[in-house]
């Protein structure tokens, strides 16, 4: 049976993405993200079959939450087995973003998706690193005060991820508006990745 590899995310507006793209340099061997790949993951779901994918898209239509005013706040690094693995830009404020992530997690639980057990740190991935990448210290020092003007996250996206030789490609599945006093109805895309043959991985 074919499967869909799904995740739920927030997409920063174009001026913010351009600010992040302009900072992406200075680490040899880094696999920098493209504009299409920039997002803040609220919940990685993983591989599901077509029926479960439809249930997920539908249940997220019940998301009711206010838009969030956020800002970029510095950069950081994730390690894997004591080696630099990922460079990211932080996003503040954490409290409303964490509350939104919990709402998404709760809705997904209604269709049998197990709750997230890892701690949630709001961030936007800038680069993925391998054993040959680096050094990273100069980049972290130069961009330690990376910041942006306040901007709005005014919708949540459900994406499907497809692995390729140049990294993952993300295909929009559905869009869920965020607003203080309006219903968060989903607008499903007409992408064949949802209605027909699903893609493979993120």
Protein backbone atom coordinates (compact mmCIF):
# COMPACT_ATOMS: atom_id res chain seq x y z
CA UNK A 1 0.00 0.00 0.00
CA UNK A 2 1.30 3.45 -0.89
CA UNK A 3 2.05 5.84 1.95
CA UNK A 4 2.31 9.56 2.63
CA UNK A 5 5.06 11.10 4.76
CA UNK A 6 3.43 14.05 6.49
CA UNK A 7 4.27 16.90 8.84
CA UNK A 8 2.50 20.00 10.20
CA UNK A 9 4.33 23.31 10.02
CA UNK A 10 4.26 27.10 9.99
CA UNK A 11 5.60 28.91 6.92
CA UNK A 12 7.35 32.26 7.54
CA UNK A 13 6.50 35.12 5.15
CA UNK A 14 8.78 35.93 2.22
CA UNK A 15 10.72 38.85 3.81
CA UNK A 16 11.64 36.62 6.75
CA UNK A 17 12.68 33.77 4.47
CA UNK A 18 14.86 36.20 2.51
CA UNK A 19 16.50 37.34 5.74
CA UNK A 20 17.27 33.74 6.64
CA UNK A 21 18.55 32.89 3.16
CA UNK A 22 20.95 35.83 3.30
CA UNK A 23 22.56 34.37 6.43
CA UNK A 24 23.12 30.93 4.89
CA UNK A 25 26.83 30.91 4.19
CA UNK A 26 30.13 30.30 5.92
CA UNK A 27 29.99 26.57 6.73
CA UNK A 28 31.84 24.38 4.26
CA UNK A 29 30.02 21.23 3.21
CA UNK A 30 26.70 22.38 4.68
CA UNK A 31 23.50 21.46 2.88
CA UNK A 32 21.69 24.78 3.11
CA UNK A 33 17.91 24.84 2.92
CA UNK A 34 16.20 26.35 -0.10
CA UNK A 35 13.39 28.89 0.10
CA UNK A 36 10.80 26.14 -0.42
CA UNK A 37 12.19 24.17 2.51
CA UNK A 38 12.03 26.91 5.15
CA UNK A 39 9.40 26.18 7.79
CA UNK A 40 8.83 25.75 11.53
CA UNK A 41 7.75 22.17 12.23
CA UNK A 42 4.90 21.85 14.73
CA UNK A 43 4.60 18.09 14.41
CA UNK A 44 6.34 15.48 12.29
CA UNK A 45 3.85 12.68 11.64
CA UNK A 46 5.76 10.31 9.38
CA UNK A 47 4.51 7.57 7.08
CA UNK A 48 0.75 6.97 6.98
CA UNK A 49 -1.54 5.26 4.49
CA UNK A 50 -3.94 7.15 2.26
CA UNK A 51 -6.97 6.74 4.52
CA UNK A 52 -5.08 7.93 7.59
CA UNK A 53 -3.74 10.90 5.57
CA UNK A 54 -7.30 11.91 4.73
CA UNK A 55 -8.32 11.58 8.39
CA UNK A 56 -5.39 13.79 9.43
CA UNK A 57 -6.26 16.49 6.89
CA UNK A 58 -9.87 16.43 8.06
CA UNK A 59 -9.24 16.49 11.81
CA UNK A 60 -6.87 19.44 11.52
CA UNK A 61 -9.81 21.38 10.11
CA UNK A 62 -10.97 21.59 13.72
CA UNK A 63 -7.95 23.69 14.69
CA UNK A 64 -9.05 26.92 16.37
CA UNK A 65 -6.21 29.24 17.38
CA UNK A 66 -5.14 32.85 17.09
CA UNK A 67 -2.48 34.06 14.69
CA UNK A 68 0.92 34.39 16.35
CA UNK A 69 3.23 37.39 16.14
CA UNK A 70 6.78 36.06 16.19
CA UNK A 71 10.35 37.07 15.46
CA UNK A 72 13.62 35.40 14.56
CA UNK A 73 15.91 35.21 17.60
CA UNK A 74 19.45 33.95 17.15
CA UNK A 75 20.83 30.69 15.83
CA UNK A 76 21.69 27.34 17.35
CA UNK A 77 23.03 23.89 16.68
CA UNK A 78 21.75 20.35 17.15
CA UNK A 79 24.28 17.57 17.67
CA UNK A 80 23.99 13.91 16.76
CA UNK A 81 26.44 11.47 18.35
CA UNK A 82 28.54 14.43 19.55
CA UNK A 83 28.84 15.84 16.02
CA UNK A 84 27.16 18.99 14.62
CA UNK A 85 24.09 17.80 12.73
CA UNK A 86 21.81 20.78 12.09
CA UNK A 87 22.00 24.58 12.19
CA UNK A 88 18.80 26.44 12.96
CA UNK A 89 17.32 29.88 13.60
CA UNK A 90 15.35 30.31 16.81
CA UNK A 91 11.82 31.71 16.88
CA UNK A 92 10.25 33.63 19.79
CA UNK A 93 7.97 33.74 21.71
CA UNK A 94 7.97 30.10 22.79
CA UNK A 95 4.75 30.05 24.87
CA UNK A 96 2.12 30.65 22.13
CA UNK A 97 4.02 28.45 19.68
CA UNK A 98 4.15 25.64 22.23
CA UNK A 99 0.43 26.05 22.93
CA UNK A 100 -0.30 25.79 19.20
CA UNK A 101 1.89 22.69 18.91
CA UNK A 102 -0.06 21.07 21.75
CA UNK A 103 -3.38 21.83 20.06
CA UNK A 104 -2.14 20.19 16.87
CA UNK A 105 -0.89 17.19 18.86
CA UNK A 106 -4.26 16.86 20.61
CA UNK A 107 -6.17 16.88 17.32
CA UNK A 108 -3.87 14.28 15.80
CA UNK A 109 -4.51 12.06 18.80
CA UNK A 110 -8.17 11.85 17.76
CA UNK A 111 -7.16 9.93 14.64
CA UNK A 112 -4.74 7.62 16.36
CA UNK A 113 -1.46 9.52 16.03
CA UNK A 114 0.58 8.92 19.18
CA UNK A 115 1.52 12.11 21.07
CA UNK A 116 4.93 13.67 20.57
CA UNK A 117 7.34 12.70 23.33
CA UNK A 118 10.25 14.97 22.42
CA UNK A 119 10.47 18.48 23.86
CA UNK A 120 9.40 21.24 21.48
CA UNK A 121 11.89 23.98 20.59
CA UNK A 122 10.51 26.41 17.99
CA UNK A 123 13.10 26.73 15.22
CA UNK A 124 13.60 26.93 11.46
CA UNK A 125 16.25 24.61 10.03
CA UNK A 126 18.91 26.48 8.04
CA UNK A 127 21.35 23.70 7.16
CA UNK A 128 22.00 20.01 7.58
CA UNK A 129 25.56 18.91 8.26
CA UNK A 130 27.52 15.72 7.71
CA UNK A 131 30.86 14.43 8.96
CA UNK A 132 32.72 16.55 6.43
CA UNK A 133 30.91 19.81 7.22
CA UNK A 134 32.33 22.64 9.25
CA UNK A 135 33.68 24.29 11.19
CA UNK A 136 30.56 26.00 12.53
CA UNK A 137 31.93 28.28 15.28
CA UNK A 138 32.44 31.31 13.01
CA UNK A 139 28.88 31.06 11.64
CA UNK A 140 27.38 30.80 15.13
CA UNK A 141 29.42 33.77 16.35
CA UNK A 142 28.56 35.92 13.34
CA UNK A 143 24.84 35.16 13.50
CA UNK A 144 24.36 34.86 17.25
CA UNK A 145 22.25 38.02 17.23
CA UNK A 146 20.32 37.15 14.06
CA UNK A 147 16.95 38.86 14.41
CA UNK A 148 13.94 40.04 12.43
CA UNK A 149 11.11 42.51 12.83
CA UNK A 150 7.89 40.99 14.24
CA UNK A 151 5.92 38.99 11.68
CA UNK A 152 2.72 36.93 11.70
CA UNK A 153 2.17 33.22 11.43
CA UNK A 154 -1.44 33.37 10.25
CA UNK A 155 -1.95 29.81 9.02
CA UNK A 156 -0.83 26.25 9.65
CA UNK A 157 0.17 23.95 6.79
CA UNK A 158 -0.03 20.20 6.37
CA UNK A 159 2.82 19.09 4.09
CA UNK A 160 3.86 15.90 2.38
CA UNK A 161 7.58 15.27 2.14
CA UNK A 162 9.34 13.58 -0.75
CA UNK A 163 12.98 12.54 -0.62
CA UNK A 164 15.25 13.27 -3.56
CA UNK A 165 18.93 13.43 -4.41
CA UNK A 166 19.06 17.16 -3.59
CA UNK A 167 17.23 16.77 -0.28
CA UNK A 168 13.56 16.77 0.64
CA UNK A 169 10.81 18.44 -1.36
CA UNK A 170 7.72 19.62 0.48
CA UNK A 171 4.27 19.56 -1.12
CA UNK A 172 1.38 21.50 0.46
CA UNK A 173 -1.59 19.31 1.32
CA UNK A 174 -3.91 21.65 3.22
CA UNK A 175 -3.91 25.13 4.75
CA UNK A 176 -5.58 26.00 8.07
CA UNK A 177 -6.04 29.73 8.81
CA UNK A 178 -5.25 31.07 12.26
CA UNK A 179 -7.40 33.89 13.55
CA UNK A 180 -8.76 35.02 16.91
CA UNK A 181 -12.43 34.95 16.03
CA UNK A 182 -12.87 32.93 12.85
CA UNK A 183 -13.26 29.26 12.09
CA UNK A 184 -10.07 27.54 11.05
CA UNK A 185 -11.44 25.68 8.04
CA UNK A 186 -8.92 23.84 5.91
CA UNK A 187 -8.42 24.47 2.23
CA UNK A 188 -7.06 21.32 0.64
CA UNK A 189 -4.78 21.71 -2.33
CA UNK A 190 -5.32 19.89 -5.59
CA UNK A 191 -1.85 18.39 -5.45
CA UNK A 192 -1.69 14.86 -6.81
CA UNK A 193 0.50 14.01 -3.83
CA UNK A 194 -2.64 13.91 -1.71
CA UNK A 195 -5.46 12.86 -3.99
CA UNK A 196 -3.58 10.38 -6.13
CA UNK A 197 -0.17 8.74 -5.95
CA UNK A 198 1.53 9.76 -2.69
CA UNK A 199 5.19 10.61 -2.42
CA UNK A 200 7.82 8.94 -0.34
CA UNK A 201 9.74 10.74 2.43
CA UNK A 202 10.81 14.08 4.15
